[in-house]
Protein backbone atom coordinates (compact mmCIF):
# COMPACT_ATOMS: atom_id res chain seq x y z
CA MET A 1 -13.62 18.14 -10.36
CA TYR A 2 -15.41 19.60 -13.35
CA VAL A 3 -18.75 18.63 -11.85
CA PHE A 4 -17.97 20.63 -8.72
CA GLN A 5 -16.89 23.62 -10.76
CA LEU A 6 -19.96 23.41 -12.99
CA PHE A 7 -22.24 23.18 -9.97
CA THR A 8 -20.59 26.22 -8.43
CA ALA A 9 -20.88 28.17 -11.66
CA ILE A 10 -24.59 27.37 -11.97
CA ASN A 11 -25.35 27.90 -8.28
CA ASP A 12 -26.04 31.59 -7.73
CA ASP A 13 -25.89 31.28 -3.93
CA ALA A 14 -22.19 30.39 -3.88
CA GLN A 15 -20.15 33.23 -2.47
CA TYR A 16 -16.70 31.72 -2.82
CA VAL A 17 -15.97 29.90 -6.04
CA ASP A 18 -13.34 27.09 -6.05
CA GLU A 19 -12.60 27.29 -2.33
CA VAL A 20 -14.88 24.62 -0.88
CA GLU A 21 -14.70 22.17 -3.78
CA ILE A 22 -11.20 21.00 -2.91
CA ILE A 23 -12.42 19.97 0.54
CA TRP A 24 -15.05 17.73 -1.07
CA LEU A 25 -12.85 16.62 -3.92
CA PHE A 26 -9.88 15.42 -1.87
CA PRO A 27 -11.62 12.53 -0.02
CA ILE A 28 -13.37 11.43 -3.20
CA MET A 29 -10.10 11.35 -5.11
CA LEU A 30 -8.46 9.41 -2.28
CA ILE A 31 -10.93 6.64 -3.05
CA VAL A 32 -11.10 6.93 -6.84
CA ILE A 33 -7.39 7.21 -7.72
CA PRO A 34 -6.29 3.89 -6.15
CA PHE A 35 -9.10 2.02 -7.93
CA VAL A 36 -8.18 3.56 -11.27
CA TYR A 37 -4.51 2.75 -10.69
CA LEU A 38 -5.30 -0.89 -9.80
CA ILE A 39 -7.37 -1.24 -12.96
CA ARG A 40 -4.51 0.25 -14.97
CA ILE A 41 -2.02 -2.19 -13.45
CA LYS A 42 -4.24 -5.19 -14.20
CA LEU A 43 -4.81 -4.11 -17.79
CA PHE A 44 -1.13 -3.36 -18.30
CA GLU A 45 -0.09 -6.77 -16.98
CA LYS A 46 -2.71 -8.57 -19.03
CA TYR A 47 -2.24 -6.88 -22.40
CA VAL A 48 1.30 -5.50 -22.36
CA LEU A 49 3.25 -7.90 -20.18
CA GLY A 50 0.87 -10.81 -20.73
CA ILE A 51 3.40 -13.39 -21.76
CA ASP A 52 1.82 -16.78 -21.13
CA LEU A 53 4.70 -19.09 -20.26
CA ARG A 54 2.51 -22.20 -20.48
CA LYS A 55 1.58 -21.34 -24.05
CA ILE A 56 5.22 -20.81 -25.00
CA GLU A 57 6.21 -24.08 -23.34
CA LYS A 58 3.45 -25.95 -25.22
CA GLU A 59 4.63 -24.51 -28.55
CA LEU A 60 8.21 -25.56 -27.79
CA GLU A 61 7.04 -29.10 -27.00
CA GLU A 62 5.15 -29.19 -30.32
CA TYR A 63 8.25 -28.06 -32.23
CA GLN A 64 10.40 -30.64 -30.44
CA SER A 65 7.91 -33.44 -31.15
CA ASP A 66 7.74 -32.41 -34.82
CA GLU A 67 11.55 -32.48 -35.06
CA THR A 68 11.78 -35.93 -33.45
CA ASP A 69 9.01 -37.27 -35.74
CA ASN A 70 10.78 -35.94 -38.83
CA ALA A 71 14.18 -37.29 -37.81
C-alpha cells in the first residue's frame, strides 16, 4: 500500500490521490493475505504447538527401561 501511495506522491500527473490505489490494492491483497496467513499458521504449529509425541514417547520408554534395569 505504501508503494502505491509513494508512486502517487511522486507522479505529478496523478489528479486524484488515494482513489485509484484501492482498486489495485484489493486484488493484490486478496492473494497476499492468505499466503501470509498460511505461513503464520505453519510457523505457529511448528514452533509454538510443536509437541512431538514420538519424542515424548521415546523418552518415557527410556525412563521405564532405566527403572526396570535398576530394579
